[in-house]
Amino acid sequence: MKAADFRRIALSMEGAEEGSHMGAADFRVGGKIFATLAMEKLGYGNLMLSPEQQVAFCAEQPEMFLPVAGGWGRMGVTHLRLSAATEDVMEGALRTAWKRRVEKSAKPSAKKAAGKKVARKKV
């Protein structure tokens, strides 16, 4: 598979849009990044997975998936080796990252919830 396939599949997700982050193509839903082609020149697409999802993908198919180095990788950002990926695997991985972002965006964040005042009844 190639970067063009990664882009095509990412953009096929409902509500997905292409943007740019630090000069590299990224793919967003609800304004939040779920995948990038930041490492395209090295043959990778990047997926914003949870750490648990990353462990599962890397364990099942280590020839296709590996954690991004450093702190981003510890937070679940995962490389997908474009040349090793099949269409089905790429679609499934992108859908997982997309779904995680959609679900995460639907939940109120702890920061937002902490900032809301609770109405109290006067007695």
Protein backbone atom coordinates (compact mmCIF):
# COMPACT_ATOMS: atom_id res chain seq x y z
CA MET A 1 0.00 0.00 0.00
CA LYS A 2 1.07 3.61 -0.51
CA ALA A 3 0.48 6.99 1.10
CA ALA A 4 -2.23 7.66 -1.50
CA ASP A 5 -4.11 4.58 -0.25
CA PHE A 6 -3.75 5.73 3.38
CA ARG A 7 -5.13 9.16 2.38
CA ARG A 8 -8.02 7.67 0.36
CA ILE A 9 -9.08 5.34 3.17
CA ALA A 10 -8.70 7.99 5.89
CA LEU A 11 -10.85 10.42 3.91
CA SER A 12 -13.52 7.75 3.37
CA MET A 13 -14.35 7.87 7.10
CA GLU A 14 -17.50 9.83 7.92
CA GLY A 15 -16.70 13.48 8.66
CA ALA A 16 -12.97 13.06 7.93
CA GLU A 17 -11.07 16.05 6.57
CA GLU A 18 -7.47 16.50 5.50
CA GLY A 19 -5.43 19.21 7.17
CA SER A 20 -1.81 19.96 7.84
CA HIS A 21 0.20 19.73 11.04
CA MET A 22 3.79 20.92 11.04
CA GLY A 23 3.93 20.63 7.24
CA ALA A 24 2.59 17.08 7.06
CA ALA A 25 -0.82 15.82 6.02
CA ASP A 26 -3.15 14.94 8.87
CA PHE A 27 -6.65 13.53 8.97
CA ARG A 28 -9.21 14.89 11.40
CA VAL A 29 -12.73 14.27 12.54
CA GLY A 30 -14.48 16.93 14.59
CA GLY A 31 -11.31 19.03 14.30
CA LYS A 32 -9.20 16.38 16.09
CA ILE A 33 -6.39 14.38 14.46
CA PHE A 34 -6.84 10.62 14.15
CA ALA A 35 -4.03 9.87 11.67
CA THR A 36 -1.11 11.57 9.90
CA LEU A 37 1.38 11.08 7.12
CA ALA A 38 4.09 12.88 9.11
CA MET A 39 6.54 10.02 8.49
CA GLU A 40 5.52 9.34 4.89
CA LYS A 41 9.10 9.78 3.61
CA LEU A 42 10.16 6.91 5.87
CA GLY A 43 7.28 4.74 4.65
CA TYR A 44 4.90 5.14 7.60
CA GLY A 45 1.41 6.38 8.27
CA ASN A 46 0.69 7.28 11.91
CA LEU A 47 -2.39 6.30 13.89
CA MET A 48 -3.62 7.92 17.10
CA LEU A 49 -4.53 4.80 19.05
CA SER A 50 -4.88 4.18 22.77
CA PRO A 51 -1.89 2.49 24.42
CA GLU A 52 -4.00 -0.67 24.77
CA GLN A 53 -4.98 -0.66 21.10
CA GLN A 54 -1.34 -0.08 20.16
CA VAL A 55 -0.23 -3.15 22.16
CA ALA A 56 -2.87 -5.29 20.44
CA PHE A 57 -2.02 -4.13 16.89
CA CYS A 58 1.75 -4.46 17.47
CA ALA A 59 1.38 -7.93 19.02
CA GLU A 60 -0.89 -9.25 16.28
CA GLN A 61 1.05 -7.86 13.32
CA PRO A 62 4.54 -6.67 14.30
CA GLU A 63 5.59 -6.58 10.65
CA MET A 64 3.03 -3.80 10.05
CA PHE A 65 2.77 -1.88 13.33
CA LEU A 66 5.29 -0.36 15.74
CA PRO A 67 5.07 2.34 18.40
CA VAL A 68 6.32 5.81 17.49
CA ALA A 69 9.51 6.55 19.46
CA GLY A 70 9.36 8.53 22.70
CA GLY A 71 6.45 10.05 24.54
CA TRP A 72 4.06 10.06 21.58
CA GLY A 73 4.50 6.31 21.27
CA ARG A 74 3.88 5.79 24.98
CA MET A 75 0.55 7.62 24.50
CA GLY A 76 -0.48 5.20 21.74
CA VAL A 77 0.71 6.89 18.54
CA THR A 78 1.58 4.01 16.23
CA HIS A 79 3.42 3.67 12.92
CA LEU A 80 1.81 1.64 10.16
CA ARG A 81 4.37 0.36 7.61
CA LEU A 82 2.66 1.32 4.38
CA SER A 83 4.53 -1.19 2.22
CA ALA A 84 3.60 -4.10 4.49
CA ALA A 85 -0.07 -3.19 4.95
CA THR A 86 -2.98 -4.75 3.13
CA GLU A 87 -6.09 -2.77 2.26
CA ASP A 88 -8.15 -4.59 4.90
CA VAL A 89 -5.61 -4.07 7.67
CA MET A 90 -5.08 -0.41 6.77
CA GLU A 91 -8.83 0.22 6.68
CA GLY A 92 -9.34 -1.52 10.02
CA ALA A 93 -6.50 0.38 11.70
CA LEU A 94 -7.66 3.75 10.36
CA ARG A 95 -11.24 2.98 11.37
CA THR A 96 -10.05 2.13 14.90
CA ALA A 97 -8.19 5.45 15.18
CA TRP A 98 -11.14 7.35 13.67
CA LYS A 99 -13.65 5.68 16.00
CA ARG A 100 -11.50 6.39 19.05
CA ARG A 101 -11.36 10.08 18.13
CA VAL A 102 -15.13 10.24 17.47
CA GLU A 103 -15.91 8.56 20.80
CA LYS A 104 -13.38 10.67 22.70
CA SER A 105 -14.79 13.88 21.19
CA ALA A 106 -18.34 12.88 22.19
CA LYS A 107 -17.41 12.68 25.89
CA PRO A 108 -17.11 15.90 27.89
CA SER A 109 -13.50 16.34 28.94
CA ALA A 110 -12.57 16.36 32.63
CA LYS A 111 -11.32 19.94 32.24
CA LYS A 112 -14.61 21.11 30.76
CA ALA A 113 -16.63 19.22 33.37
CA ALA A 114 -14.54 20.65 36.21
CA GLY A 115 -15.15 24.17 34.93
CA LYS A 116 -18.95 23.89 35.03
CA LYS A 117 -20.75 25.17 38.08
CA VAL A 118 -23.38 23.03 39.69
CA ALA A 119 -26.65 24.77 40.38
CA ARG A 120 -27.67 24.44 44.01
CA LYS A 121 -31.09 24.88 45.49
CA LYS A 122 -31.54 27.53 48.10
CA VAL A 123 -33.15 26.18 51.23
